[in-house]
């Protein structure tokens, strides 16, 4: 076939492929879970550079992006504001300010947000905060005609969860799962040791992972495949149970596995891992267990089926886990597939778990800040639309105290330096070179509003040559001339 005809064919094919649902690419990799946890192994430690995105924030606790929005980051400040980072700077007007609605003591505040998967068309996003009565509140808002400002009058309360007596252990994470349902992680109600045993009580929503269908009813419906659907106790909203304070959890954007960083009591911090396709109903053990150790094994603990964590570490190496994400930003990166997390008392240290075929290997990495900065009190990770990872710190330049205006967001330098000819045509890292790889590159064709993640020839843009390089390899493996 003449070269010009082959090129035209590839471009036409790429245009067609770019219209396919991108979620198909996510299903391409087999889940790397279901393995029994083994004794911790120590992997190589490396130094990871960081770039300051924005400083002078007031107690930031989370950073995220709307689906397919490569131009903006949304930063949550604990006091009650959502800020937007755009075009290299922080916009002066908040996207949303709910400070007047938020209780701001101890572990309380505005804790996270999640965008509806169809945000581009319906404008819905959801926030998680502790209200003035100390209860957990999930509220839906809509964006206004100005895409950088929410409609503050559009509030619809999805669910309010009673959180009596104590102000700590509020959980705080919202995530839409790959199934389109809204997941939230609640703390056990606070104090220490979970005195009411809320985490094991299926008649309350504390100490749980919950799953809601926010499209099937007003304000929500129960997904019919939730594990405890039926009259009475257990409550239908429960997806998993036995968590102490799942401050941050995430879904692997490639495998769909669920990762939970659950804050421990006095001795152990843990990472829990739920494989994609799980039917739910997993019991992560608190308060019967703390990590892999018995904590309070009274009552019916011996009769329960408890799922151990995939990784634990002692309070000799930290104090409070900040769960993170599995890096999926670039299959050319040596960090591709590593689960990143940290500890609030871990200083400038980021940690990772790497799957080696049968076990997970842990490693501690040093984060290097830009000149004149220091990194400490890492409270959260975030992920943008193309899979790059960010960290949020309460105090970047601190003098022994955490003051207002001292928080910051940094981007982790996990992508390799672009080297022409050194790229892989297995763009999504699933071990195959096929139509999904062509689709991903074609979807970025000639975009200029972000740093291209599939610029295979390092030209500074995704062009015909990048698409052709991938399509040619695929074609040589079976596409007939």
Protein backbone atom coordinates (compact mmCIF):
# COMPACT_ATOMS: atom_id res chain seq x y z
CA UNK A 1 0.00 0.00 0.00
CA UNK A 2 1.47 3.45 -0.87
CA UNK A 3 2.68 5.40 2.14
CA UNK A 4 0.28 8.31 1.61
CA UNK A 5 -2.69 5.95 1.45
CA UNK A 6 -1.56 4.14 4.58
CA UNK A 7 -1.18 7.46 6.41
CA UNK A 8 -4.67 8.58 5.38
CA UNK A 9 -6.03 5.24 6.51
CA UNK A 10 -4.33 5.60 9.89
CA UNK A 11 -5.66 9.13 10.38
CA UNK A 12 -9.18 8.10 9.44
CA UNK A 13 -8.96 5.12 11.76
CA UNK A 14 -7.61 7.31 14.55
CA UNK A 15 -10.52 9.73 14.22
CA UNK A 16 -12.96 6.86 14.54
CA UNK A 17 -11.10 5.36 17.47
CA UNK A 18 -10.97 8.65 19.33
CA UNK A 19 -14.75 8.57 19.61
CA UNK A 20 -14.76 5.24 21.45
CA UNK A 21 -15.50 5.34 25.19
CA UNK A 22 -12.16 5.86 26.98
CA UNK A 23 -13.28 3.57 29.79
CA UNK A 24 -12.58 0.63 27.50
CA UNK A 25 -8.88 1.28 27.91
CA UNK A 26 -9.16 0.99 31.65
CA UNK A 27 -10.39 -2.58 31.46
CA UNK A 28 -7.42 -3.74 29.45
CA UNK A 29 -5.09 -4.59 32.33
CA UNK A 30 -5.76 -7.59 34.53
CA UNK A 31 -6.14 -6.80 38.20
CA UNK A 32 -2.92 -7.31 40.16
CA UNK A 33 -4.66 -8.23 43.37
CA UNK A 34 -6.18 -11.18 45.10
CA UNK A 35 -2.80 -12.17 46.50
CA UNK A 36 -2.39 -13.02 50.16
CA UNK A 37 -0.38 -10.34 51.96
CA UNK A 38 3.19 -11.37 52.68
CA UNK A 39 5.79 -10.05 55.07
CA UNK A 40 6.94 -6.58 54.14
CA UNK A 41 9.86 -6.34 51.76
CA UNK A 42 11.91 -3.21 51.28
CA UNK A 43 12.41 -1.84 47.79
CA UNK A 44 14.91 0.72 46.53
CA UNK A 45 14.53 4.26 47.80
CA UNK A 46 14.84 7.09 45.30
CA UNK A 47 14.68 10.86 45.32
CA UNK A 48 11.65 12.43 43.65
CA UNK A 49 11.67 16.06 42.58
CA UNK A 50 8.62 18.23 43.17
CA UNK A 51 7.27 21.38 41.57
CA UNK A 52 5.44 23.97 43.64
CA UNK A 53 1.98 24.48 42.15
CA UNK A 54 0.67 26.96 44.68
CA UNK A 55 1.56 28.01 48.22
CA UNK A 56 0.01 30.38 50.77
CA UNK A 57 -3.07 28.19 51.17
CA UNK A 58 -5.15 27.98 54.33
CA UNK A 59 -4.98 24.37 55.57
CA UNK A 60 -5.42 22.59 52.22
CA UNK A 61 -6.57 18.97 52.51
CA UNK A 62 -7.22 17.75 48.96
CA UNK A 63 -6.61 18.47 45.28
CA UNK A 64 -8.44 17.00 42.28
CA UNK A 65 -9.61 17.70 38.73
CA UNK A 66 -12.90 17.42 36.89
CA UNK A 67 -13.14 14.57 34.36
CA UNK A 68 -11.11 15.35 31.21
CA UNK A 69 -10.37 18.87 32.51
CA UNK A 70 -6.67 19.30 31.82
CA UNK A 71 -6.60 23.06 32.39
CA UNK A 72 -7.57 23.33 36.08
CA UNK A 73 -6.95 21.91 39.53
CA UNK A 74 -9.49 22.23 42.36
CA UNK A 75 -7.97 22.69 45.82
CA UNK A 76 -9.99 22.13 49.00
CA UNK A 77 -9.18 24.25 52.03
CA UNK A 78 -10.33 22.76 55.31
CA UNK A 79 -11.95 25.99 56.47
CA UNK A 80 -14.58 25.67 53.74
CA UNK A 81 -13.28 27.00 50.43
CA UNK A 82 -12.68 25.33 47.08
CA UNK A 83 -10.03 27.20 45.09
CA UNK A 84 -9.10 26.84 41.40
CA UNK A 85 -5.56 26.75 40.03
CA UNK A 86 -5.66 27.81 36.38
CA UNK A 87 -3.23 29.25 33.84
CA UNK A 88 -0.33 29.10 36.26
CA UNK A 89 -2.01 30.79 39.21
CA UNK A 90 -4.68 30.66 41.89
CA UNK A 91 -7.90 32.40 40.88
CA UNK A 92 -8.83 35.20 43.32
CA UNK A 93 -12.49 34.11 43.59
CA UNK A 94 -13.32 30.80 45.24
CA UNK A 95 -15.15 28.20 43.20
CA UNK A 96 -17.31 27.62 46.28
CA UNK A 97 -17.18 28.92 49.86
CA UNK A 98 -19.19 27.02 52.50
CA UNK A 99 -17.24 28.34 55.49
CA UNK A 100 -20.47 29.45 57.19
CA UNK A 101 -21.79 25.86 57.10
CA UNK A 102 -18.70 24.03 58.33
CA UNK A 103 -17.57 23.05 61.82
CA UNK A 104 -13.84 23.64 61.86
CA UNK A 105 -12.49 22.05 65.05
CA UNK A 106 -9.96 19.25 65.45
CA UNK A 107 -10.37 16.86 62.47
CA UNK A 108 -13.48 18.59 61.17
CA UNK A 109 -13.98 20.92 58.19
CA UNK A 110 -14.53 20.68 54.45
CA UNK A 111 -12.72 17.43 53.70
CA UNK A 112 -13.05 16.53 50.00
CA UNK A 113 -15.03 16.81 46.79
CA UNK A 114 -15.87 14.60 43.81
CA UNK A 115 -17.09 15.46 40.33
CA UNK A 116 -19.93 13.52 38.74
CA UNK A 117 -18.62 11.36 35.85
CA UNK A 118 -20.92 13.38 33.55
CA UNK A 119 -19.87 16.72 35.01
CA UNK A 120 -19.24 18.17 31.54
CA UNK A 121 -22.94 17.80 30.74
CA UNK A 122 -24.75 18.00 34.11
CA UNK A 123 -22.43 20.27 36.11
CA UNK A 124 -22.85 18.27 39.34
CA UNK A 125 -20.17 17.95 42.01
CA UNK A 126 -20.33 16.69 45.59
CA UNK A 127 -18.65 17.86 48.79
CA UNK A 128 -18.00 16.13 52.12
CA UNK A 129 -17.92 18.27 55.27
CA UNK A 130 -18.69 18.27 58.97
CA UNK A 131 -21.70 20.49 59.60
CA UNK A 132 -22.27 22.86 62.51
CA UNK A 133 -23.91 20.06 64.51
CA UNK A 134 -20.83 17.87 64.13
CA UNK A 135 -22.51 15.47 61.70
CA UNK A 136 -21.12 14.25 58.38
CA UNK A 137 -22.82 15.87 55.42
CA UNK A 138 -22.65 15.07 51.69
CA UNK A 139 -24.09 17.82 49.49
CA UNK A 140 -24.48 18.14 45.73
CA UNK A 141 -23.90 21.48 44.03
CA UNK A 142 -24.01 22.64 40.41
CA UNK A 143 -21.60 24.84 38.49
CA UNK A 144 -22.92 28.24 37.41
CA UNK A 145 -22.83 29.77 33.93
CA UNK A 146 -19.27 30.75 34.81
CA UNK A 147 -17.28 27.49 34.77
CA UNK A 148 -14.94 28.86 37.45
CA UNK A 149 -17.73 29.61 39.95
CA UNK A 150 -20.27 27.21 41.48
CA UNK A 151 -23.93 28.02 42.01
CA UNK A 152 -24.03 28.41 45.80
CA UNK A 153 -27.85 28.29 45.76
CA UNK A 154 -27.96 24.86 44.13
CA UNK A 155 -27.25 22.80 47.27
CA UNK A 156 -29.01 19.44 47.58
CA UNK A 157 -28.19 17.41 50.69
CA UNK A 158 -27.56 13.80 49.68
CA UNK A 159 -27.08 12.31 53.12
CA UNK A 160 -26.41 13.45 56.70
CA UNK A 161 -24.76 10.91 58.98
CA UNK A 162 -25.04 11.35 62.75
CA UNK A 163 -21.62 11.68 64.39
CA UNK A 164 -22.38 12.16 68.09
CA UNK A 165 -20.13 12.87 71.05
CA UNK A 166 -16.68 13.29 69.44
CA UNK A 167 -15.18 15.58 66.84
CA UNK A 168 -12.49 13.20 65.54
CA UNK A 169 -12.56 10.30 63.05
CA UNK A 170 -14.80 11.81 60.40
CA UNK A 171 -13.38 9.95 57.41
CA UNK A 172 -13.61 12.48 54.62
CA UNK A 173 -13.13 11.02 51.14
CA UNK A 174 -15.58 11.00 48.22
CA UNK A 175 -14.87 9.10 45.00
CA UNK A 176 -17.00 8.00 42.09
CA UNK A 177 -16.21 4.39 41.34
CA UNK A 178 -15.80 2.90 37.88
CA UNK A 179 -19.38 1.63 38.28
CA UNK A 180 -20.68 5.21 38.39
CA UNK A 181 -21.73 5.00 42.04
CA UNK A 182 -20.62 7.44 44.74
CA UNK A 183 -18.38 5.94 47.45
CA UNK A 184 -17.63 7.58 50.78
CA UNK A 185 -15.51 6.51 53.74
CA UNK A 186 -16.71 7.32 57.26
CA UNK A 187 -14.75 7.28 60.50
CA UNK A 188 -15.81 5.23 63.50
CA UNK A 189 -17.19 8.18 65.47
CA UNK A 190 -14.06 9.15 67.34
CA UNK A 191 -12.63 9.05 70.82
CA UNK A 192 -10.11 6.19 70.99
CA UNK A 193 -10.66 2.48 70.55
CA UNK A 194 -14.18 2.90 69.12
CA UNK A 195 -16.01 2.57 72.49
CA UNK A 196 -19.48 1.94 70.92
CA UNK A 197 -17.94 -0.56 68.45
CA UNK A 198 -19.48 1.41 65.56
CA UNK A 199 -17.16 -0.06 62.94
CA UNK A 200 -18.60 -3.55 63.50
CA UNK A 201 -22.18 -2.39 64.05
CA UNK A 202 -24.05 -2.79 60.76
CA UNK A 203 -26.93 -0.72 62.15
CA UNK A 204 -24.91 2.53 61.93
CA UNK A 205 -23.06 4.13 59.00
CA UNK A 206 -19.89 5.00 60.93
CA UNK A 207 -16.68 3.05 60.40
CA UNK A 208 -17.80 2.00 56.91
CA UNK A 209 -17.32 2.34 53.19
CA UNK A 210 -20.68 3.40 51.73
CA UNK A 211 -21.94 3.18 48.13
CA UNK A 212 -24.81 5.36 46.85
CA UNK A 213 -26.60 5.70 43.53
CA UNK A 214 -26.96 9.46 43.16
CA UNK A 215 -28.58 9.12 39.71
CA UNK A 216 -31.25 6.58 40.58
CA UNK A 217 -33.28 8.60 43.06
CA UNK A 218 -33.60 11.86 44.98
CA UNK A 219 -31.47 12.41 46.92
CA UNK A 220 -30.09 8.93 46.22
CA UNK A 221 -31.03 5.31 45.67
CA UNK A 222 -29.46 2.08 46.91
CA UNK A 223 -27.46 0.23 44.24
CA UNK A 224 -29.23 -3.13 43.86
CA UNK A 225 -25.89 -4.96 44.08
CA UNK A 226 -24.92 -3.51 47.45
CA UNK A 227 -24.08 -6.50 49.66
CA UNK A 228 -26.63 -5.94 52.42
CA UNK A 229 -29.71 -4.88 50.49
CA UNK A 230 -32.85 -5.90 52.37
CA UNK A 231 -35.12 -4.89 55.19
CA UNK A 232 -33.66 -3.86 58.54
CA UNK A 233 -30.11 -4.33 59.79
CA UNK A 234 -27.54 -4.32 58.09
CA UNK A 235 -28.11 -0.92 56.51
CA UNK A 236 -28.39 -0.95 52.74
CA UNK A 237 -25.88 1.87 52.14
CA UNK A 238 -22.97 -0.19 53.51
CA UNK A 239 -20.43 -1.45 51.00
CA UNK A 240 -17.64 -2.51 53.41
CA UNK A 241 -17.20 -2.33 57.18
CA UNK A 242 -14.55 -2.44 59.90
CA UNK A 243 -12.70 0.79 59.10
CA UNK A 244 -11.36 3.14 61.77
CA UNK A 245 -10.77 6.35 59.85
CA UNK A 246 -10.38 5.86 56.07
CA UNK A 247 -9.10 9.42 55.53
CA UNK A 248 -8.16 8.82 51.88
CA UNK A 249 -9.06 6.08 49.39
CA UNK A 250 -8.90 5.82 45.61
CA UNK A 251 -9.68 3.65 42.61
CA UNK A 252 -6.91 2.52 40.30
CA UNK A 253 -7.86 4.21 37.02
CA UNK A 254 -6.51 1.24 35.05
CA UNK A 255 -7.50 -1.87 37.03
CA UNK A 256 -10.39 -0.38 39.06
CA UNK A 257 -9.06 -1.86 42.32
CA UNK A 258 -9.97 0.05 45.50
CA UNK A 259 -7.11 1.25 47.75
CA UNK A 260 -7.84 2.45 51.30
CA UNK A 261 -5.46 4.18 53.69
CA UNK A 262 -6.99 3.52 57.12
CA UNK A 263 -5.58 5.51 60.03
CA UNK A 264 -4.59 3.32 62.98
CA UNK A 265 -5.00 3.59 66.74
CA UNK A 266 -1.76 3.54 68.74
CA UNK A 267 0.51 1.04 67.05
CA UNK A 268 -0.23 0.31 63.37
CA UNK A 269 -1.18 2.08 60.14
CA UNK A 270 -2.59 0.05 57.27
CA UNK A 271 -3.26 -0.07 53.54
CA UNK A 272 -6.28 -2.10 52.47
CA UNK A 273 -6.82 -3.37 48.95
CA UNK A 274 -10.12 -4.52 47.45
CA UNK A 275 -9.88 -6.13 43.99
CA UNK A 276 -12.00 -4.87 41.13
CA UNK A 277 -15.16 -6.91 40.75
CA UNK A 278 -15.56 -7.39 44.49
CA UNK A 279 -19.11 -7.99 45.66
CA UNK A 280 -18.49 -5.78 48.70
CA UNK A 281 -19.24 -6.78 52.26
CA UNK A 282 -15.53 -6.87 53.12
CA UNK A 283 -14.77 -6.57 56.83
CA UNK A 284 -11.40 -4.84 57.38
CA UNK A 285 -11.33 -5.78 61.04
CA UNK A 286 -11.41 -2.68 63.25
CA UNK A 287 -11.83 -2.75 66.28
CA UNK A 288 -11.14 -6.47 66.51
CA UNK A 289 -7.85 -5.84 64.74
CA UNK A 290 -5.43 -2.95 64.32
CA UNK A 291 -3.38 -3.81 61.27
CA UNK A 292 -2.43 -7.47 61.64
CA UNK A 293 -2.55 -7.38 65.45
CA UNK A 294 -5.50 -8.07 67.73
CA UNK A 295 -6.77 -4.88 69.36
CA UNK A 296 -10.07 -5.62 71.11
CA UNK A 297 -11.08 -9.18 70.30
CA UNK A 298 -14.04 -9.30 72.65
CA UNK A 299 -17.58 -10.05 71.52
CA UNK A 300 -18.03 -11.99 68.31
CA UNK A 301 -14.66 -11.18 66.67
CA UNK A 302 -13.61 -14.83 66.50
CA UNK A 303 -16.67 -15.67 64.41
CA UNK A 304 -16.10 -12.93 61.80
CA UNK A 305 -14.39 -13.24 58.44
CA UNK A 306 -11.82 -10.46 58.51
CA UNK A 307 -9.71 -9.29 55.56
CA UNK A 308 -6.13 -8.36 56.50
CA UNK A 309 -4.37 -5.31 55.07
CA UNK A 310 -1.96 -5.62 52.18
CA UNK A 311 0.58 -3.46 54.02
CA UNK A 312 1.15 -2.24 57.58
CA UNK A 313 3.77 -0.13 59.30
CA UNK A 314 4.28 0.65 62.95
CA UNK A 315 4.13 3.96 64.76
CA UNK A 316 7.89 3.77 64.98
CA UNK A 317 7.73 4.87 61.34
CA UNK A 318 4.82 7.33 61.40
CA UNK A 319 1.63 8.41 63.13
CA UNK A 320 -1.21 8.78 60.58
CA UNK A 321 -1.41 7.38 57.07
CA UNK A 322 -2.31 9.61 54.11
CA UNK A 323 -3.61 7.22 51.48
CA UNK A 324 -2.89 7.97 47.84
CA UNK A 325 -3.08 6.70 44.28
CA UNK A 326 -1.53 4.17 41.99
CA UNK A 327 0.46 6.14 39.41
CA UNK A 328 -0.92 5.70 35.90
CA UNK A 329 0.35 8.90 34.30
CA UNK A 330 2.94 7.39 31.96
CA UNK A 331 3.63 3.73 31.11
CA UNK A 332 7.19 4.81 30.20
CA UNK A 333 7.83 5.76 33.83
CA UNK A 334 9.64 3.47 36.25
CA UNK A 335 6.95 4.49 38.77
CA UNK A 336 4.09 3.24 36.60
CA UNK A 337 1.78 1.03 38.68
CA UNK A 338 3.28 1.97 42.05
CA UNK A 339 0.83 2.87 44.80
CA UNK A 340 1.93 6.13 46.45
CA UNK A 341 1.01 7.08 50.00
CA UNK A 342 2.63 8.91 52.91
CA UNK A 343 2.43 9.57 56.63
CA UNK A 344 1.49 12.89 58.18
CA UNK A 345 4.49 12.61 60.53
CA UNK A 346 6.81 11.36 57.79
CA UNK A 347 8.38 14.72 56.94
CA UNK A 348 9.48 14.87 53.29
CA UNK A 349 9.01 11.16 52.75
CA UNK A 350 6.66 9.56 50.21
CA UNK A 351 6.12 5.82 50.26
CA UNK A 352 5.16 3.34 47.59
CA UNK A 353 4.07 -0.26 47.10
CA UNK A 354 5.16 -2.16 44.00
CA UNK A 355 3.66 -5.46 42.90
CA UNK A 356 6.29 -8.06 42.05
CA UNK A 357 4.10 -10.90 40.81
CA UNK A 358 3.23 -12.38 44.19
CA UNK A 359 4.01 -9.78 46.87
CA UNK A 360 3.95 -6.04 47.41
CA UNK A 361 7.29 -4.40 48.09
CA UNK A 362 7.42 -1.19 50.11
CA UNK A 363 9.86 1.66 49.53
CA UNK A 364 10.47 5.05 51.12
CA UNK A 365 11.32 7.96 48.83
CA UNK A 366 12.63 11.43 49.61
CA UNK A 367 10.72 14.36 48.13
CA UNK A 368 12.94 17.29 47.19
CA UNK A 369 11.21 20.69 47.26
CA UNK A 370 12.04 23.67 45.08
CA UNK A 371 14.73 26.05 46.35
CA UNK A 372 13.65 27.93 49.45
CA UNK A 373 10.86 25.49 50.33
CA UNK A 374 10.53 22.56 52.72
CA UNK A 375 8.01 19.73 52.69
CA UNK A 376 6.36 18.41 55.83
CA UNK A 377 2.95 17.42 57.19
CA UNK A 378 1.81 15.69 54.00
CA UNK A 379 -1.93 15.36 54.47
CA UNK A 380 -3.21 14.16 51.11
CA UNK A 381 -2.48 13.10 47.56
CA UNK A 382 -4.37 14.19 44.48
CA UNK A 383 -4.63 13.14 40.85
CA UNK A 384 -5.28 15.27 37.77
CA UNK A 385 -7.07 14.44 34.53
CA UNK A 386 -4.03 12.84 32.88
CA UNK A 387 -2.93 10.82 35.90
CA UNK A 388 -0.17 12.99 37.34
CA UNK A 389 0.06 12.95 41.14
CA UNK A 390 0.18 15.84 43.60
CA UNK A 391 0.77 16.18 47.32
CA UNK A 392 -0.91 18.56 49.73
CA UNK A 393 0.94 19.86 52.79
CA UNK A 394 -0.41 21.80 55.74
CA UNK A 395 2.88 23.58 56.35
CA UNK A 396 5.51 23.99 53.63
CA UNK A 397 7.55 26.81 55.15
CA UNK A 398 6.79 26.49 58.83
CA UNK A 399 8.55 27.63 61.94
CA UNK A 400 7.44 24.89 64.27
CA UNK A 401 3.74 25.71 64.02
CA UNK A 402 1.07 25.32 61.34
CA UNK A 403 -0.26 28.78 60.64
CA UNK A 404 -2.86 29.95 58.17
CA UNK A 405 -1.52 30.60 54.69
CA UNK A 406 1.32 28.12 55.04
CA UNK A 407 -0.14 25.18 53.11
CA UNK A 408 0.90 24.19 49.61
CA UNK A 409 0.32 21.87 46.67
CA UNK A 410 3.24 20.22 44.86
CA UNK A 411 3.38 18.09 41.72
CA UNK A 412 5.48 14.91 41.84
CA UNK A 413 7.95 14.48 38.97
CA UNK A 414 7.12 10.88 38.09
CA UNK A 415 7.16 11.08 34.30
CA UNK A 416 10.43 10.24 32.54
CA UNK A 417 12.33 12.87 30.60
CA UNK A 418 11.07 12.70 27.04
CA UNK A 419 13.66 11.00 24.82
CA UNK A 420 12.85 10.54 21.10
CA UNK A 421 12.99 6.91 20.11
CA UNK A 422 12.83 5.67 23.70
CA UNK A 423 9.04 5.58 23.93
CA UNK A 424 6.85 2.50 24.03
CA UNK A 425 3.94 1.95 21.69
CA UNK A 426 2.19 0.10 24.52
CA UNK A 427 0.73 3.43 25.61
CA UNK A 428 -1.64 2.16 28.30
CA UNK A 429 0.87 -0.33 29.72
CA UNK A 430 -1.37 -3.39 29.44
CA UNK A 431 1.26 -5.58 27.76
CA UNK A 432 -0.43 -5.32 24.35
CA UNK A 433 0.01 -3.04 21.35
CA UNK A 434 -3.46 -2.71 19.98
CA UNK A 435 -6.43 -0.51 19.11
CA UNK A 436 -6.64 0.91 22.65
CA UNK A 437 -3.16 2.39 22.34
CA UNK A 438 -4.05 4.05 19.03
CA UNK A 439 -7.23 5.43 20.61
CA UNK A 440 -5.39 7.04 23.51
CA UNK A 441 -2.86 8.80 21.28
CA UNK A 442 -5.52 9.88 18.78
CA UNK A 443 -7.60 11.45 21.56
CA UNK A 444 -4.71 13.86 22.23
CA UNK A 445 -4.21 14.80 18.57
CA UNK A 446 -3.12 18.45 18.22
CA UNK A 447 -4.38 19.49 21.65
CA UNK A 448 -2.62 22.56 23.00
CA UNK A 449 -4.33 23.15 26.33
CA UNK A 450 -2.12 20.82 28.39
CA UNK A 451 1.26 19.15 28.46
CA UNK A 452 0.61 16.23 26.10
CA UNK A 453 0.91 12.85 27.75
CA UNK A 454 1.23 10.89 24.50
CA UNK A 455 3.83 13.01 22.71
CA UNK A 456 5.87 9.98 21.69
CA UNK A 457 8.45 11.78 19.55
CA UNK A 458 9.00 14.65 22.02
CA UNK A 459 7.98 17.32 19.53
CA UNK A 460 5.91 19.22 22.10
CA UNK A 461 2.55 18.17 20.64
CA UNK A 462 0.66 15.03 19.70
CA UNK A 463 0.88 14.91 15.92
CA UNK A 464 0.33 12.58 12.96
CA UNK A 465 3.71 10.97 13.56
CA UNK A 466 2.76 9.88 17.09
CA UNK A 467 -0.48 8.29 15.91
CA UNK A 468 1.25 6.66 12.96
CA UNK A 469 3.99 5.18 15.16
CA UNK A 470 1.46 3.37 17.33
CA UNK A 471 -0.93 2.43 14.53
CA UNK A 472 1.90 1.03 12.42
CA UNK A 473 3.01 -1.35 15.17
CA UNK A 474 -0.58 -2.45 15.67
CA UNK A 475 -1.03 -2.84 11.92
CA UNK A 476 2.11 -4.93 11.57
CA UNK A 477 0.69 -7.28 14.18
CA UNK A 478 -2.40 -8.16 12.17
CA UNK A 479 -3.99 -5.23 10.36
CA UNK A 480 -4.16 -6.29 6.73
CA UNK A 481 -2.59 -3.93 4.11
